[in-house]
Amino acid sequence: MDIEKVFKIILDCSFKVHTALGTGLLESAYEECLFYEIQKTGLTVVKQKALPLIYEEVKLDAGYRVDLLIENMVVVEIKSVEALADIHLAQILTYLKLSGCKLGLLVNFNVKHLKDGIKRVIL
């Protein structure tokens, strides 16, 4: 499937979850609901996918975990914070590099209007 179609489906699912749940929940609640919604679409989605760090020829288990990896193409990092910060952008950029994906979605569900909490990240 085309990466832009996958991205659109993820966005639609994110808006559906935000409309149903609103703000104020833990990231884990949004993650579970978004995982469920994406699964319903038939897309392949993995939650809490471990990403090893490769240094020279050594594979290090540094504890990096992607919230959601969809179709092995799109990384989704879920937040429930007052505002997205530079560290959140740095985090998803790291996940994109380690996963080999080119497209990421940073979603902060703790906003009144979800469009204000979405950041598309391209590597």
N, C-alpha and C. Protein backbone atom coordinates (compact mmCIF):
# COMPACT_ATOMS: atom_id res chain seq x y z
N MET A 1 0.84 -1.18 0.00
CA MET A 1 0.00 0.00 0.00
C MET A 1 0.89 1.24 0.00
N ASP A 2 0.43 2.28 -0.65
CA ASP A 2 1.13 3.56 -0.74
C ASP A 2 1.26 4.18 0.66
N ILE A 3 2.44 4.73 0.95
CA ILE A 3 2.71 5.29 2.28
C ILE A 3 1.76 6.43 2.62
N GLU A 4 1.35 7.21 1.65
CA GLU A 4 0.42 8.32 1.90
C GLU A 4 -0.97 7.81 2.27
N LYS A 5 -1.39 6.69 1.67
CA LYS A 5 -2.68 6.08 2.03
C LYS A 5 -2.62 5.56 3.46
N VAL A 6 -1.51 4.92 3.81
CA VAL A 6 -1.31 4.42 5.17
C VAL A 6 -1.36 5.59 6.15
N PHE A 7 -0.68 6.67 5.81
CA PHE A 7 -0.64 7.84 6.68
C PHE A 7 -2.04 8.41 6.89
N LYS A 8 -2.82 8.49 5.83
CA LYS A 8 -4.20 9.01 5.92
C LYS A 8 -5.05 8.13 6.83
N ILE A 9 -4.91 6.83 6.72
CA ILE A 9 -5.66 5.91 7.58
C ILE A 9 -5.28 6.13 9.05
N ILE A 10 -3.99 6.30 9.31
CA ILE A 10 -3.53 6.53 10.68
C ILE A 10 -4.11 7.84 11.22
N LEU A 11 -4.11 8.87 10.39
CA LEU A 11 -4.70 10.15 10.80
C LEU A 11 -6.18 9.99 11.13
N ASP A 12 -6.92 9.32 10.25
CA ASP A 12 -8.35 9.12 10.47
C ASP A 12 -8.60 8.37 11.79
N CYS A 13 -7.81 7.36 12.04
CA CYS A 13 -7.93 6.58 13.28
C CYS A 13 -7.61 7.45 14.49
N SER A 14 -6.59 8.29 14.36
CA SER A 14 -6.20 9.18 15.46
C SER A 14 -7.33 10.14 15.81
N PHE A 15 -7.95 10.72 14.80
CA PHE A 15 -9.06 11.63 15.03
C PHE A 15 -10.24 10.91 15.66
N LYS A 16 -10.49 9.68 15.24
CA LYS A 16 -11.59 8.90 15.80
C LYS A 16 -11.36 8.64 17.29
N VAL A 17 -10.14 8.26 17.65
CA VAL A 17 -9.80 7.99 19.05
C VAL A 17 -9.92 9.27 19.87
N HIS A 18 -9.40 10.38 19.35
CA HIS A 18 -9.45 11.64 20.09
C HIS A 18 -10.89 12.10 20.29
N THR A 19 -11.72 11.95 19.28
CA THR A 19 -13.13 12.33 19.39
C THR A 19 -13.84 11.50 20.46
N ALA A 20 -13.53 10.22 20.51
CA ALA A 20 -14.18 9.32 21.47
C ALA A 20 -13.69 9.53 22.90
N LEU A 21 -12.39 9.75 23.07
CA LEU A 21 -11.81 9.79 24.41
C LEU A 21 -11.58 11.19 24.97
N GLY A 22 -11.37 12.17 24.10
CA GLY A 22 -11.05 13.51 24.57
C GLY A 22 -9.65 13.58 25.14
N THR A 23 -9.43 14.54 26.01
CA THR A 23 -8.10 14.77 26.59
C THR A 23 -8.03 14.22 28.01
N GLY A 24 -6.81 14.20 28.55
CA GLY A 24 -6.62 13.91 29.96
C GLY A 24 -6.29 12.49 30.34
N LEU A 25 -6.20 11.59 29.39
CA LEU A 25 -5.86 10.20 29.70
C LEU A 25 -4.36 9.97 29.58
N LEU A 26 -3.92 8.83 30.06
CA LEU A 26 -2.52 8.45 29.92
C LEU A 26 -2.22 8.05 28.48
N GLU A 27 -0.95 8.19 28.11
CA GLU A 27 -0.51 7.79 26.77
C GLU A 27 -0.88 6.35 26.47
N SER A 28 -0.75 5.49 27.46
CA SER A 28 -1.02 4.07 27.25
C SER A 28 -2.46 3.81 26.82
N ALA A 29 -3.41 4.59 27.32
CA ALA A 29 -4.81 4.43 26.92
C ALA A 29 -4.99 4.80 25.45
N TYR A 30 -4.41 5.92 25.05
CA TYR A 30 -4.51 6.33 23.64
C TYR A 30 -3.81 5.33 22.74
N GLU A 31 -2.67 4.80 23.19
CA GLU A 31 -1.93 3.83 22.40
C GLU A 31 -2.77 2.57 22.15
N GLU A 32 -3.38 2.04 23.20
CA GLU A 32 -4.19 0.83 23.06
C GLU A 32 -5.36 1.06 22.10
N CYS A 33 -6.04 2.20 22.25
CA CYS A 33 -7.20 2.49 21.40
C CYS A 33 -6.78 2.73 19.95
N LEU A 34 -5.68 3.44 19.74
CA LEU A 34 -5.21 3.68 18.38
C LEU A 34 -4.74 2.37 17.75
N PHE A 35 -4.06 1.54 18.51
CA PHE A 35 -3.65 0.22 18.04
C PHE A 35 -4.87 -0.57 17.57
N TYR A 36 -5.91 -0.58 18.37
CA TYR A 36 -7.15 -1.29 18.05
C TYR A 36 -7.78 -0.74 16.76
N GLU A 37 -7.88 0.57 16.66
CA GLU A 37 -8.50 1.19 15.48
C GLU A 37 -7.71 0.90 14.21
N ILE A 38 -6.40 0.96 14.29
CA ILE A 38 -5.56 0.68 13.12
C ILE A 38 -5.67 -0.78 12.73
N GLN A 39 -5.71 -1.66 13.71
CA GLN A 39 -5.88 -3.10 13.42
C GLN A 39 -7.19 -3.34 12.66
N LYS A 40 -8.24 -2.64 13.05
CA LYS A 40 -9.55 -2.82 12.41
C LYS A 40 -9.51 -2.48 10.92
N THR A 41 -8.57 -1.64 10.51
CA THR A 41 -8.48 -1.25 9.10
C THR A 41 -7.80 -2.33 8.25
N GLY A 42 -7.17 -3.29 8.91
CA GLY A 42 -6.46 -4.34 8.19
C GLY A 42 -4.99 -4.07 7.99
N LEU A 43 -4.52 -2.92 8.43
CA LEU A 43 -3.10 -2.62 8.33
C LEU A 43 -2.33 -3.43 9.37
N THR A 44 -1.08 -3.75 9.07
CA THR A 44 -0.21 -4.43 10.01
C THR A 44 0.34 -3.39 10.98
N VAL A 45 0.10 -3.61 12.26
CA VAL A 45 0.56 -2.67 13.28
C VAL A 45 1.19 -3.44 14.43
N VAL A 46 2.35 -2.95 14.88
CA VAL A 46 3.06 -3.54 16.01
C VAL A 46 3.21 -2.46 17.05
N LYS A 47 2.88 -2.80 18.30
CA LYS A 47 3.06 -1.80 19.37
C LYS A 47 4.28 -2.15 20.21
N GLN A 48 4.90 -1.10 20.71
CA GLN A 48 6.09 -1.21 21.55
C GLN A 48 7.18 -2.06 20.89
N LYS A 49 7.41 -1.77 19.62
CA LYS A 49 8.43 -2.47 18.83
C LYS A 49 9.82 -2.04 19.32
N ALA A 50 10.61 -3.00 19.76
CA ALA A 50 11.97 -2.72 20.22
C ALA A 50 12.86 -2.40 19.03
N LEU A 51 13.69 -1.39 19.20
CA LEU A 51 14.64 -0.99 18.17
C LEU A 51 16.05 -1.06 18.73
N PRO A 52 16.88 -1.93 18.18
CA PRO A 52 18.26 -2.00 18.67
C PRO A 52 19.08 -0.84 18.11
N LEU A 53 20.08 -0.49 18.84
CA LEU A 53 21.04 0.52 18.40
C LEU A 53 22.27 -0.22 17.91
N ILE A 54 22.65 0.03 16.66
CA ILE A 54 23.83 -0.62 16.09
C ILE A 54 24.97 0.39 16.13
N TYR A 55 26.02 0.04 16.85
CA TYR A 55 27.21 0.88 16.92
C TYR A 55 28.36 0.08 16.34
N GLU A 56 28.92 0.60 15.25
CA GLU A 56 29.91 -0.12 14.48
C GLU A 56 29.33 -1.49 14.14
N GLU A 57 29.84 -2.55 14.71
CA GLU A 57 29.29 -3.88 14.40
C GLU A 57 28.63 -4.51 15.62
N VAL A 58 28.36 -3.69 16.63
CA VAL A 58 27.80 -4.19 17.88
C VAL A 58 26.32 -3.79 17.96
N LYS A 59 25.48 -4.76 18.23
CA LYS A 59 24.05 -4.51 18.41
C LYS A 59 23.78 -4.31 19.89
N LEU A 60 23.35 -3.11 20.25
CA LEU A 60 23.12 -2.76 21.65
C LEU A 60 21.63 -2.70 21.94
N ASP A 61 21.21 -3.31 23.03
CA ASP A 61 19.82 -3.19 23.45
C ASP A 61 19.74 -1.98 24.37
N ALA A 62 19.43 -0.83 23.77
CA ALA A 62 19.43 0.42 24.53
C ALA A 62 18.04 0.76 25.07
N GLY A 63 17.06 -0.10 24.82
CA GLY A 63 15.73 0.12 25.37
C GLY A 63 14.84 1.04 24.56
N TYR A 64 15.19 1.29 23.31
CA TYR A 64 14.34 2.13 22.46
C TYR A 64 13.12 1.33 22.00
N ARG A 65 11.93 1.93 22.16
CA ARG A 65 10.70 1.26 21.74
C ARG A 65 9.80 2.25 21.03
N VAL A 66 9.37 1.87 19.85
CA VAL A 66 8.43 2.68 19.07
C VAL A 66 7.03 2.38 19.59
N ASP A 67 6.23 3.41 19.83
CA ASP A 67 4.85 3.19 20.29
C ASP A 67 4.11 2.30 19.29
N LEU A 68 4.03 2.75 18.04
CA LEU A 68 3.36 1.98 16.99
C LEU A 68 4.19 2.02 15.71
N LEU A 69 4.32 0.86 15.08
CA LEU A 69 4.97 0.76 13.78
C LEU A 69 3.94 0.17 12.83
N ILE A 70 3.57 0.92 11.81
CA ILE A 70 2.51 0.52 10.91
C ILE A 70 3.08 0.18 9.54
N GLU A 71 2.76 -1.05 9.09
CA GLU A 71 3.17 -1.54 7.77
C GLU A 71 4.68 -1.46 7.56
N ASN A 72 5.45 -1.46 8.65
CA ASN A 72 6.91 -1.30 8.57
C ASN A 72 7.31 -0.07 7.77
N MET A 73 6.42 0.95 7.76
CA MET A 73 6.68 2.17 6.99
C MET A 73 6.56 3.44 7.81
N VAL A 74 5.62 3.45 8.77
CA VAL A 74 5.30 4.68 9.50
C VAL A 74 5.46 4.44 11.00
N VAL A 75 6.21 5.33 11.64
CA VAL A 75 6.41 5.31 13.08
C VAL A 75 5.43 6.31 13.70
N VAL A 76 4.70 5.85 14.72
CA VAL A 76 3.79 6.74 15.44
C VAL A 76 4.24 6.83 16.88
N GLU A 77 4.49 8.03 17.33
CA GLU A 77 4.86 8.29 18.71
C GLU A 77 3.72 9.06 19.37
N ILE A 78 3.18 8.49 20.43
CA ILE A 78 1.99 9.03 21.09
C ILE A 78 2.41 9.78 22.35
N LYS A 79 1.82 10.94 22.52
CA LYS A 79 2.06 11.76 23.71
C LYS A 79 0.73 12.20 24.30
N SER A 80 0.77 12.50 25.59
CA SER A 80 -0.36 13.12 26.28
C SER A 80 0.25 14.15 27.23
N VAL A 81 0.70 15.26 26.63
CA VAL A 81 1.43 16.29 27.36
C VAL A 81 0.80 17.65 27.11
N GLU A 82 1.20 18.62 27.92
CA GLU A 82 0.65 19.96 27.77
C GLU A 82 0.99 20.54 26.39
N ALA A 83 2.22 20.32 25.95
CA ALA A 83 2.65 20.81 24.63
C ALA A 83 3.82 19.95 24.16
N LEU A 84 3.90 19.75 22.85
CA LEU A 84 5.04 19.04 22.28
C LEU A 84 6.29 19.89 22.45
N ALA A 85 7.40 19.23 22.74
CA ALA A 85 8.67 19.93 22.95
C ALA A 85 9.70 19.40 21.95
N ASP A 86 10.82 20.10 21.88
CA ASP A 86 11.90 19.69 20.97
C ASP A 86 12.37 18.27 21.24
N ILE A 87 12.34 17.86 22.51
CA ILE A 87 12.79 16.51 22.86
C ILE A 87 11.89 15.44 22.23
N HIS A 88 10.61 15.74 22.05
CA HIS A 88 9.69 14.80 21.42
C HIS A 88 10.03 14.65 19.94
N LEU A 89 10.38 15.74 19.30
CA LEU A 89 10.79 15.70 17.90
C LEU A 89 12.10 14.91 17.77
N ALA A 90 13.03 15.15 18.67
CA ALA A 90 14.30 14.42 18.66
C ALA A 90 14.05 12.92 18.84
N GLN A 91 13.11 12.59 19.69
CA GLN A 91 12.80 11.18 19.95
C GLN A 91 12.28 10.49 18.69
N ILE A 92 11.33 11.09 18.01
CA ILE A 92 10.79 10.44 16.82
C ILE A 92 11.81 10.41 15.70
N LEU A 93 12.66 11.42 15.60
CA LEU A 93 13.72 11.39 14.59
C LEU A 93 14.68 10.23 14.86
N THR A 94 15.00 9.99 16.12
CA THR A 94 15.84 8.85 16.49
C THR A 94 15.17 7.55 16.09
N TYR A 95 13.89 7.42 16.37
CA TYR A 95 13.15 6.20 16.03
C TYR A 95 13.11 5.98 14.52
N LEU A 96 12.97 7.06 13.77
CA LEU A 96 12.97 6.93 12.31
C LEU A 96 14.32 6.42 11.83
N LYS A 97 15.39 6.97 12.36
CA LYS A 97 16.74 6.54 11.96
C LYS A 97 16.98 5.08 12.31
N LEU A 98 16.61 4.69 13.53
CA LEU A 98 16.86 3.31 13.98
C LEU A 98 15.97 2.29 13.27
N SER A 99 14.77 2.70 12.88
CA SER A 99 13.84 1.76 12.23
C SER A 99 14.04 1.69 10.72
N GLY A 100 14.69 2.69 10.15
CA GLY A 100 14.84 2.74 8.70
C GLY A 100 13.62 3.30 8.00
N CYS A 101 12.64 3.78 8.76
CA CYS A 101 11.44 4.39 8.18
C CYS A 101 11.72 5.84 7.80
N LYS A 102 10.96 6.34 6.87
CA LYS A 102 11.15 7.72 6.41
C LYS A 102 10.06 8.66 6.90
N LEU A 103 8.93 8.10 7.39
CA LEU A 103 7.78 8.93 7.77
C LEU A 103 7.34 8.61 9.19
N GLY A 104 7.13 9.66 9.97
CA GLY A 104 6.68 9.50 11.33
C GLY A 104 5.54 10.45 11.65
N LEU A 105 4.79 10.08 12.67
CA LEU A 105 3.68 10.91 13.13
C LEU A 105 3.79 11.04 14.64
N LEU A 106 3.93 12.27 15.08
CA LEU A 106 3.98 12.59 16.50
C LEU A 106 2.59 13.11 16.86
N VAL A 107 1.90 12.41 17.77
CA VAL A 107 0.51 12.76 18.10
C VAL A 107 0.38 13.05 19.58
N ASN A 108 0.01 14.29 19.90
CA ASN A 108 -0.27 14.68 21.28
C ASN A 108 -1.79 14.71 21.45
N PHE A 109 -2.32 13.74 22.20
CA PHE A 109 -3.76 13.64 22.39
C PHE A 109 -4.28 14.60 23.46
N ASN A 110 -3.40 15.27 24.17
CA ASN A 110 -3.83 16.15 25.25
C ASN A 110 -4.03 17.59 24.76
N VAL A 111 -4.79 17.72 23.68
CA VAL A 111 -5.12 19.03 23.12
C VAL A 111 -6.61 19.07 22.81
N LYS A 112 -7.18 20.27 22.82
CA LYS A 112 -8.62 20.40 22.56
C LYS A 112 -8.96 19.97 21.14
N HIS A 113 -8.16 20.41 20.18
CA HIS A 113 -8.35 20.06 18.77
C HIS A 113 -7.13 19.27 18.31
N LEU A 114 -7.34 18.03 17.90
CA LEU A 114 -6.22 17.16 17.59
C LEU A 114 -5.32 17.73 16.50
N LYS A 115 -5.87 18.48 15.56
CA LYS A 115 -5.05 19.06 14.50
C LYS A 115 -3.90 19.90 15.08
N ASP A 116 -4.10 20.41 16.29
CA ASP A 116 -3.06 21.21 16.95
C ASP A 116 -2.01 20.35 17.63
N GLY A 117 -2.26 19.03 17.73
CA GLY A 117 -1.34 18.13 18.41
C GLY A 117 -0.64 17.17 17.49
N ILE A 118 -0.77 17.39 16.18
CA ILE A 118 -0.19 16.45 15.20
C ILE A 118 1.01 17.09 14.52
N LYS A 119 2.07 16.33 14.45
CA LYS A 119 3.27 16.77 13.72
C LYS A 119 3.73 15.63 12.81
N ARG A 120 3.77 15.90 11.53
CA ARG A 120 4.27 14.95 10.55
C ARG A 120 5.77 15.14 10.47
N VAL A 121 6.52 14.04 10.54
CA VAL A 121 7.98 14.11 10.54
C VAL A 121 8.51 13.25 9.41
N ILE A 122 9.32 13.86 8.55
CA ILE A 122 9.92 13.16 7.42
C ILE A 122 11.42 13.17 7.58
N LEU A 123 12.03 12.00 7.41
CA LEU A 123 13.48 11.89 7.53
C LEU A 123 14.12 12.02 6.18
